[in-house]
Amino acid sequence: MKFSLKDLIKLIAPYLVAIGGAIGVYADGKSRFELMEYRVQVVEKDKDDLRNDLKSIKDVLYRIDTRLSVFGTKLEERTGR
């Protein structure tokens, strides 16, 4: 019995489709997982940046409050209140 190339392709085509489909499903799942990991990393980085910005803002507000307290005390001493 002699197989032609066409017969051989007909025999192995369903297996190739199944293997290709499995690879596609795996690659799709893997890429979604990697995308979610990337998003988590970006959110963590943004959270750290926001935390640092908030700390800087608190420091500035503390300095302003301290200076206003000093100026308020000086004003009270000068006006005699």
PDB file of N, CA and C in Angstrom:
ATOM      1  N   MET A   1       0.830  -1.157   0.000  1.00  0.00           N
ATOM      2  CA  MET A   1       0.000   0.000   0.000  1.00  0.00           C
ATOM      3  C   MET A   1       0.889   1.240   0.000  1.00  0.00           C
ATOM      4  N   LYS A   2       0.583   2.121  -0.893  1.00  0.00           N
ATOM      5  CA  LYS A   2       1.420   3.291  -1.075  1.00  0.00           C
ATOM      6  C   LYS A   2       0.648   4.530  -0.612  1.00  0.00           C
ATOM      7  N   PHE A   3       1.297   5.325   0.230  1.00  0.00           N
ATOM      8  CA  PHE A   3       0.693   6.574   0.705  1.00  0.00           C
ATOM      9  C   PHE A   3       1.202   7.731  -0.124  1.00  0.00           C
ATOM     10  N   SER A   4       0.294   8.573  -0.500  1.00  0.00           N
ATOM     11  CA  SER A   4       0.714   9.794  -1.175  1.00  0.00           C
ATOM     12  C   SER A   4       0.872  10.879  -0.104  1.00  0.00           C
ATOM     13  N   LEU A   5       1.440  11.951  -0.498  1.00  0.00           N
ATOM     14  CA  LEU A   5       1.650  13.056   0.424  1.00  0.00           C
ATOM     15  C   LEU A   5       0.308  13.591   0.918  1.00  0.00           C
ATOM     16  N   LYS A   6      -0.677  13.603   0.054  1.00  0.00           N
ATOM     17  CA  LYS A   6      -2.011  14.079   0.410  1.00  0.00           C
ATOM     18  C   LYS A   6      -2.629  13.184   1.489  1.00  0.00           C
ATOM     19  N   ASP A   7      -2.480  11.875   1.365  1.00  0.00           N
ATOM     20  CA  ASP A   7      -3.004  10.953   2.366  1.00  0.00           C
ATOM     21  C   ASP A   7      -2.282  11.115   3.700  1.00  0.00           C
ATOM     22  N   LEU A   8      -0.994  11.314   3.638  1.00  0.00           N
ATOM     23  CA  LEU A   8      -0.201  11.506   4.850  1.00  0.00           C
ATOM     24  C   LEU A   8      -0.634  12.780   5.578  1.00  0.00           C
ATOM     25  N   ILE A   9      -0.861  13.818   4.834  1.00  0.00           N
ATOM     26  CA  ILE A   9      -1.303  15.078   5.441  1.00  0.00           C
ATOM     27  C   ILE A   9      -2.686  14.914   6.060  1.00  0.00           C
ATOM     28  N   LYS A  10      -3.566  14.179   5.391  1.00  0.00           N
ATOM     29  CA  LYS A  10      -4.901  13.938   5.945  1.00  0.00           C
ATOM     30  C   LYS A  10      -4.834  13.152   7.246  1.00  0.00           C
ATOM     31  N   LEU A  11      -3.856  12.262   7.362  1.00  0.00           N
ATOM     32  CA  LEU A  11      -3.718  11.472   8.586  1.00  0.00           C
ATOM     33  C   LEU A  11      -3.181  12.287   9.763  1.00  0.00           C
ATOM     34  N   ILE A  12      -2.206  13.141   9.505  1.00  0.00           N
ATOM     35  CA  ILE A  12      -1.575  13.860  10.615  1.00  0.00           C
ATOM     36  C   ILE A  12      -2.194  15.241  10.875  1.00  0.00           C
ATOM     37  N   ALA A  13      -3.045  15.741   9.998  1.00  0.00           N
ATOM     38  CA  ALA A  13      -3.620  17.083  10.158  1.00  0.00           C
ATOM     39  C   ALA A  13      -4.394  17.249  11.469  1.00  0.00           C
ATOM     40  N   PRO A  14      -5.268  16.309  11.871  1.00  0.00           N
ATOM     41  CA  PRO A  14      -5.985  16.509  13.139  1.00  0.00           C
ATOM     42  C   PRO A  14      -5.052  16.597  14.348  1.00  0.00           C
ATOM     43  N   TYR A  15      -3.971  15.831  14.318  1.00  0.00           N
ATOM     44  CA  TYR A  15      -3.014  15.865  15.419  1.00  0.00           C
ATOM     45  C   TYR A  15      -2.274  17.200  15.451  1.00  0.00           C
ATOM     46  N   LEU A  16      -1.910  17.681  14.273  1.00  0.00           N
ATOM     47  CA  LEU A  16      -1.226  18.976  14.206  1.00  0.00           C
ATOM     48  C   LEU A  16      -2.143  20.108  14.681  1.00  0.00           C
ATOM     49  N   VAL A  17      -3.417  20.028  14.317  1.00  0.00           N
ATOM     50  CA  VAL A  17      -4.374  21.041  14.764  1.00  0.00           C
ATOM     51  C   VAL A  17      -4.520  20.992  16.281  1.00  0.00           C
ATOM     52  N   ALA A  18      -4.612  19.793  16.838  1.00  0.00           N
ATOM     53  CA  ALA A  18      -4.752  19.648  18.286  1.00  0.00           C
ATOM     54  C   ALA A  18      -3.518  20.180  19.010  1.00  0.00           C
ATOM     55  N   ILE A  19      -2.349  19.849  18.507  1.00  0.00           N
ATOM     56  CA  ILE A  19      -1.100  20.321  19.116  1.00  0.00           C
ATOM     57  C   ILE A  19      -1.010  21.842  18.999  1.00  0.00           C
ATOM     58  N   GLY A  20      -1.327  22.367  17.829  1.00  0.00           N
ATOM     59  CA  GLY A  20      -1.289  23.824  17.635  1.00  0.00           C
ATOM     60  C   GLY A  20      -2.283  24.539  18.535  1.00  0.00           C
ATOM     61  N   GLY A  21      -3.465  23.952  18.681  1.00  0.00           N
ATOM     62  CA  GLY A  21      -4.467  24.542  19.578  1.00  0.00           C
ATOM     63  C   GLY A  21      -4.002  24.556  21.018  1.00  0.00           C
ATOM     64  N   ALA A  22      -3.400  23.463  21.457  1.00  0.00           N
ATOM     65  CA  ALA A  22      -2.899  23.386  22.828  1.00  0.00           C
ATOM     66  C   ALA A  22      -1.798  24.422  23.058  1.00  0.00           C
ATOM     67  N   ILE A  23      -0.920  24.577  22.089  1.00  0.00           N
ATOM     68  CA  ILE A  23       0.143  25.582  22.202  1.00  0.00           C
ATOM     69  C   ILE A  23      -0.465  26.981  22.248  1.00  0.00           C
ATOM     70  N   GLY A  24      -1.487  27.210  21.426  1.00  0.00           N
ATOM     71  CA  GLY A  24      -2.151  28.510  21.425  1.00  0.00           C
ATOM     72  C   GLY A  24      -2.818  28.828  22.743  1.00  0.00           C
ATOM     73  N   VAL A  25      -3.500  27.848  23.318  1.00  0.00           N
ATOM     74  CA  VAL A  25      -4.158  28.052  24.617  1.00  0.00           C
ATOM     75  C   VAL A  25      -3.124  28.319  25.701  1.00  0.00           C
ATOM     76  N   TYR A  26      -2.031  27.573  25.689  1.00  0.00           N
ATOM     77  CA  TYR A  26      -0.972  27.776  26.675  1.00  0.00           C
ATOM     78  C   TYR A  26      -0.355  29.160  26.523  1.00  0.00           C
ATOM     79  N   ALA A  27      -0.053  29.543  25.280  1.00  0.00           N
ATOM     80  CA  ALA A  27       0.568  30.844  25.036  1.00  0.00           C
ATOM     81  C   ALA A  27      -0.369  31.975  25.442  1.00  0.00           C
ATOM     82  N   ASP A  28      -1.669  31.819  25.170  1.00  0.00           N
ATOM     83  CA  ASP A  28      -2.633  32.847  25.546  1.00  0.00           C
ATOM     84  C   ASP A  28      -2.707  32.980  27.064  1.00  0.00           C
ATOM     85  N   GLY A  29      -2.763  31.861  27.755  1.00  0.00           N
ATOM     86  CA  GLY A  29      -2.804  31.895  29.216  1.00  0.00           C
ATOM     87  C   GLY A  29      -1.531  32.480  29.801  1.00  0.00           C
ATOM     88  N   LYS A  30      -0.407  32.094  29.229  1.00  0.00           N
ATOM     89  CA  LYS A  30       0.883  32.595  29.709  1.00  0.00           C
ATOM     90  C   LYS A  30       0.997  34.099  29.480  1.00  0.00           C
ATOM     91  N   SER A  31       0.549  34.567  28.320  1.00  0.00           N
ATOM     92  CA  SER A  31       0.648  35.999  28.039  1.00  0.00           C
ATOM     93  C   SER A  31      -0.291  36.795  28.949  1.00  0.00           C
ATOM     94  N   ARG A  32      -1.470  36.265  29.253  1.00  0.00           N
ATOM     95  CA  ARG A  32      -2.376  36.949  30.181  1.00  0.00           C
ATOM     96  C   ARG A  32      -1.766  37.015  31.578  1.00  0.00           C
ATOM     97  N   PHE A  33      -1.145  35.928  31.998  1.00  0.00           N
ATOM     98  CA  PHE A  33      -0.499  35.903  33.308  1.00  0.00           C
ATOM     99  C   PHE A  33       0.631  36.929  33.373  1.00  0.00           C
ATOM    100  N   GLU A  34       1.457  36.963  32.334  1.00  0.00           N
ATOM    101  CA  GLU A  34       2.569  37.909  32.305  1.00  0.00           C
ATOM    102  C   GLU A  34       2.059  39.353  32.277  1.00  0.00           C
ATOM    103  N   LEU A  35       0.973  39.599  31.554  1.00  0.00           N
ATOM    104  CA  LEU A  35       0.389  40.936  31.508  1.00  0.00           C
ATOM    105  C   LEU A  35      -0.104  41.354  32.888  1.00  0.00           C
ATOM    106  N   MET A  36      -0.735  40.432  33.604  1.00  0.00           N
ATOM    107  CA  MET A  36      -1.203  40.747  34.947  1.00  0.00           C
ATOM    108  C   MET A  36      -0.022  41.001  35.891  1.00  0.00           C
ATOM    109  N   GLU A  37       1.037  40.232  35.760  1.00  0.00           N
ATOM    110  CA  GLU A  37       2.235  40.454  36.576  1.00  0.00           C
ATOM    111  C   GLU A  37       2.817  41.839  36.298  1.00  0.00           C
ATOM    112  N   TYR A  38       2.858  42.214  35.030  1.00  0.00           N
ATOM    113  CA  TYR A  38       3.369  43.535  34.656  1.00  0.00           C
ATOM    114  C   TYR A  38       2.503  44.631  35.264  1.00  0.00           C
ATOM    115  N   ARG A  39       1.189  44.461  35.196  1.00  0.00           N
ATOM    116  CA  ARG A  39       0.281  45.458  35.769  1.00  0.00           C
ATOM    117  C   ARG A  39       0.480  45.579  37.269  1.00  0.00           C
ATOM    118  N   VAL A  40       0.682  44.457  37.940  1.00  0.00           N
ATOM    119  CA  VAL A  40       0.908  44.487  39.391  1.00  0.00           C
ATOM    120  C   VAL A  40       2.203  45.242  39.694  1.00  0.00           C
ATOM    121  N   GLN A  41       3.236  44.998  38.914  1.00  0.00           N
ATOM    122  CA  GLN A  41       4.504  45.702  39.120  1.00  0.00           C
ATOM    123  C   GLN A  41       4.345  47.202  38.912  1.00  0.00           C
ATOM    124  N   VAL A  42       3.583  47.599  37.897  1.00  0.00           N
ATOM    125  CA  VAL A  42       3.366  49.025  37.635  1.00  0.00           C
ATOM    126  C   VAL A  42       2.594  49.662  38.783  1.00  0.00           C
ATOM    127  N   VAL A  43       1.582  48.966  39.278  1.00  0.00           N
ATOM    128  CA  VAL A  43       0.796  49.507  40.395  1.00  0.00           C
ATOM    129  C   VAL A  43       1.659  49.622  41.641  1.00  0.00           C
ATOM    130  N   GLU A  44       2.487  48.633  41.913  1.00  0.00           N
ATOM    131  CA  GLU A  44       3.381  48.693  43.076  1.00  0.00           C
ATOM    132  C   GLU A  44       4.343  49.865  42.952  1.00  0.00           C
ATOM    133  N   LYS A  45       4.893  50.068  41.763  1.00  0.00           N
ATOM    134  CA  LYS A  45       5.823  51.181  41.541  1.00  0.00           C
ATOM    135  C   LYS A  45       5.104  52.505  41.732  1.00  0.00           C
ATOM    136  N   ASP A  46       3.910  52.627  41.181  1.00  0.00           N
ATOM    137  CA  ASP A  46       3.142  53.858  41.339  1.00  0.00           C
ATOM    138  C   ASP A  46       2.791  54.103  42.805  1.00  0.00           C
ATOM    139  N   LYS A  47       2.469  53.024  43.514  1.00  0.00           N
ATOM    140  CA  LYS A  47       2.140  53.153  44.936  1.00  0.00           C
ATOM    141  C   LYS A  47       3.351  53.662  45.714  1.00  0.00           C
ATOM    142  N   ASP A  48       4.537  53.132  45.402  1.00  0.00           N
ATOM    143  CA  ASP A  48       5.746  53.591  46.084  1.00  0.00           C
ATOM    144  C   ASP A  48       6.035  55.054  45.751  1.00  0.00           C
ATOM    145  N   ASP A  49       5.837  55.435  44.489  1.00  0.00           N
ATOM    146  CA  ASP A  49       6.057  56.828  44.097  1.00  0.00           C
ATOM    147  C   ASP A  49       5.080  57.754  44.816  1.00  0.00           C
ATOM    148  N   LEU A  50       3.824  57.338  44.905  1.00  0.00           N
ATOM    149  CA  LEU A  50       2.830  58.148  45.604  1.00  0.00           C
ATOM    150  C   LEU A  50       3.147  58.266  47.088  1.00  0.00           C
ATOM    151  N   ARG A  51       3.627  57.183  47.670  1.00  0.00           N
ATOM    152  CA  ARG A  51       3.999  57.210  49.092  1.00  0.00           C
ATOM    153  C   ARG A  51       5.142  58.202  49.319  1.00  0.00           C
ATOM    154  N   ASN A  52       6.126  58.199  48.418  1.00  0.00           N
ATOM    155  CA  ASN A  52       7.239  59.142  48.545  1.00  0.00           C
ATOM    156  C   ASN A  52       6.765  60.582  48.356  1.00  0.00           C
ATOM    157  N   ASP A  53       5.865  60.801  47.393  1.00  0.00           N
ATOM    158  CA  ASP A  53       5.319  62.145  47.182  1.00  0.00           C
ATOM    159  C   ASP A  53       4.552  62.615  48.406  1.00  0.00           C
ATOM    160  N   LEU A  54       3.770  61.731  48.986  1.00  0.00           N
ATOM    161  CA  LEU A  54       2.995  62.083  50.174  1.00  0.00           C
ATOM    162  C   LEU A  54       3.916  62.434  51.334  1.00  0.00           C
ATOM    163  N   LYS A  55       4.984  61.698  51.476  1.00  0.00           N
ATOM    164  CA  LYS A  55       5.951  61.986  52.546  1.00  0.00           C
ATOM    165  C   LYS A  55       6.574  63.359  52.330  1.00  0.00           C
ATOM    166  N   SER A  56       6.907  63.689  51.095  1.00  0.00           N
ATOM    167  CA  SER A  56       7.488  64.995  50.798  1.00  0.00           C
ATOM    168  C   SER A  56       6.500  66.114  51.098  1.00  0.00           C
ATOM    169  N   ILE A  57       5.234  65.906  50.743  1.00  0.00           N
ATOM    170  CA  ILE A  57       4.210  66.909  51.011  1.00  0.00           C
ATOM    171  C   ILE A  57       4.033  67.100  52.513  1.00  0.00           C
ATOM    172  N   LYS A  58       4.042  66.001  53.259  1.00  0.00           N
ATOM    173  CA  LYS A  58       3.918  66.111  54.720  1.00  0.00           C
ATOM    174  C   LYS A  58       5.088  66.893  55.303  1.00  0.00           C
ATOM    175  N   ASP A  59       6.304  66.646  54.795  1.00  0.00           N
ATOM    176  CA  ASP A  59       7.478  67.375  55.281  1.00  0.00           C
ATOM    177  C   ASP A  59       7.345  68.870  55.012  1.00  0.00           C
ATOM    178  N   VAL A  60       6.887  69.221  53.826  1.00  0.00           N
ATOM    179  CA  VAL A  60       6.720  70.633  53.485  1.00  0.00           C
ATOM    180  C   VAL A  60       5.662  71.275  54.379  1.00  0.00           C
ATOM    181  N   LEU A  61       4.550  70.585  54.569  1.00  0.00           N
ATOM    182  CA  LEU A  61       3.498  71.133  55.429  1.00  0.00           C
ATOM    183  C   LEU A  61       3.979  71.284  56.872  1.00  0.00           C
ATOM    184  N   TYR A  62       4.783  70.349  57.353  1.00  0.00           N
ATOM    185  CA  TYR A  62       5.323  70.452  58.703  1.00  0.00           C
ATOM    186  C   TYR A  62       6.240  71.665  58.820  1.00  0.00           C
ATOM    187  N   ARG A  63       7.075  71.885  57.801  1.00  0.00           N
ATOM    188  CA  ARG A  63       7.969  73.054  57.821  1.00  0.00           C
ATOM    189  C   ARG A  63       7.165  74.350  57.817  1.00  0.00           C
ATOM    190  N   ILE A  64       6.127  74.396  56.996  1.00  0.00           N
ATOM    191  CA  ILE A  64       5.280  75.598  56.953  1.00  0.00           C
ATOM    192  C   ILE A  64       4.626  75.833  58.309  1.00  0.00           C
ATOM    193  N   ASP A  65       4.102  74.767  58.913  1.00  0.00           N
ATOM    194  CA  ASP A  65       3.461  74.891  60.224  1.00  0.00           C
ATOM    195  C   ASP A  65       4.447  75.378  61.276  1.00  0.00           C
ATOM    196  N   THR A  66       5.669  74.854  61.234  1.00  0.00           N
ATOM    197  CA  THR A  66       6.694  75.263  62.190  1.00  0.00           C
ATOM    198  C   THR A  66       7.028  76.744  62.016  1.00  0.00           C
ATOM    199  N   ARG A  67       7.209  77.168  60.785  1.00  0.00           N
ATOM    200  CA  ARG A  67       7.531  78.584  60.547  1.00  0.00           C
ATOM    201  C   ARG A  67       6.381  79.492  60.965  1.00  0.00           C
ATOM    202  N   LEU A  68       5.158  79.081  60.665  1.00  0.00           N
ATOM    203  CA  LEU A  68       4.018  79.894  61.076  1.00  0.00           C
ATOM    204  C   LEU A  68       3.923  79.986  62.590  1.00  0.00           C
ATOM    205  N   SER A  69       4.243  78.896  63.281  1.00  0.00           N
ATOM    206  CA  SER A  69       4.236  78.921  64.746  1.00  0.00           C
ATOM    207  C   SER A  69       5.292  79.883  65.271  1.00  0.00           C
ATOM    208  N   VAL A  70       6.475  79.869  64.670  1.00  0.00           N
ATOM    209  CA  VAL A  70       7.556  80.765  65.093  1.00  0.00           C
ATOM    210  C   VAL A  70       7.149  82.209  64.829  1.00  0.00           C
ATOM    211  N   PHE A  71       6.618  82.476  63.640  1.00  0.00           N
ATOM    212  CA  PHE A  71       6.210  83.838  63.321  1.00  0.00           C
ATOM    213  C   PHE A  71       5.048  84.288  64.209  1.00  0.00           C
ATOM    214  N   GLY A  72       4.142  83.362  64.522  1.00  0.00           N
ATOM    215  CA  GLY A  72       3.044  83.705  65.433  1.00  0.00           C
ATOM    216  C   GLY A  72       3.542  84.063  66.808  1.00  0.00           C
ATOM    217  N   THR A  73       4.515  83.309  67.278  1.00  0.00           N
ATOM    218  CA  THR A  73       5.104  83.603  68.609  1.00  0.00           C
ATOM    219  C   THR A  73       5.805  84.951  68.607  1.00  0.00           C
ATOM    220  N   LYS A  74       6.577  85.224  67.539  1.00  0.00           N
ATOM    221  CA  LYS A  74       7.262  86.520  67.442  1.00  0.00           C
ATOM    222  C   LYS A  74       6.254  87.660  67.390  1.00  0.00           C
ATOM    223  N   LEU A  75       5.159  87.463  66.649  1.00  0.00           N
ATOM    224  CA  LEU A  75       4.137  88.505  66.546  1.00  0.00           C
ATOM    225  C   LEU A  75       3.472  88.755  67.883  1.00  0.00           C
ATOM    226  N   GLU A  76       3.225  87.692  68.644  1.00  0.00           N
ATOM    227  CA  GLU A  76       2.631  87.854  69.971  1.00  0.00           C
ATOM    228  C   GLU A  76       3.560  88.621  70.899  1.00  0.00           C
ATOM    229  N   GLU A  77       4.875  88.338  70.815  1.00  0.00           N
ATOM    230  CA  GLU A  77       5.830  89.029  71.661  1.00  0.00           C
ATOM    231  C   GLU A  77       5.908  90.500  71.280  1.00  0.00           C
ATOM    232  N   ARG A  78       5.871  90.795  70.002  1.00  0.00           N
ATOM    233  CA  ARG A  78       6.005  92.192  69.550  1.00  0.00           C
ATOM    234  C   ARG A  78       4.753  92.999  69.856  1.00  0.00           C
ATOM    235  N   THR A  79       3.604  92.382  69.723  1.00  0.00           N
ATOM    236  CA  THR A  79       2.363  93.128  69.965  1.00  0.00           C
ATOM    237  C   THR A  79       1.956  93.108  71.423  1.00  0.00           C
ATOM    238  N   GLY A  80       2.554  92.263  72.213  1.00  0.00           N
ATOM    239  CA  GLY A  80       2.284  92.220  73.648  1.00  0.00           C
ATOM    240  C   GLY A  80       0.986  91.528  73.994  1.00  0.00           C
ATOM    241  N   ARG A  81       0.534  90.632  73.202  1.00  0.00           N
ATOM    242  CA  ARG A  81      -0.723  89.932  73.485  1.00  0.00           C
ATOM    243  C   ARG A  81      -0.508  88.789  74.416  1.00  0.00           C
TER     244      ARG A  81
END
